């Protein structure tokens, strides 16, 4: 990585590992949350709950719980952005990246581009929640004061 504080040069390996980590966290947390909901409401475990676009039609309570699981997952992903990416200005990029990969996974698993309006709306809401909350959490850390008193004290003692 280039010298300097938050330099503009990116490390491709670090970026690829961050994307991989975020994607793994996305599916781990989504499937874990869905499994907990399945246990609570005695639903059958299935990958269709994650990848089936038709499952997001708001026809019954089970589909509504899937929608809520995705919204809760977007909050967890915002928290993950704070620890994996650590940069507010990269939150939108990473959020869009793992939701685009999710779109591709849904497309490949079902063999068709999603046409259900509620699925697209859910993805847009989740990207928004993840990005805004992730940026807030990262900015909160980025804007913390840098303690200079201890550094000045140590420098003064060493100068003696």
Foldseek 3Di string as FASTA:
>chain_A
DDDDDPDPDDDVVLVVVLLVVLLVLLVVQLLVLLVVVCVVVVNDDDCCLQQVLVLCDPPDPNNVVSLVSLQVSLLVSLVVCCVSVLALVCQLVSLVSSLVVSQVVSCVVVVHRRDDPSSVVSSVSSSVSSNVSSSVSSVVVVPDDDDCPVVVVVVVVVVD
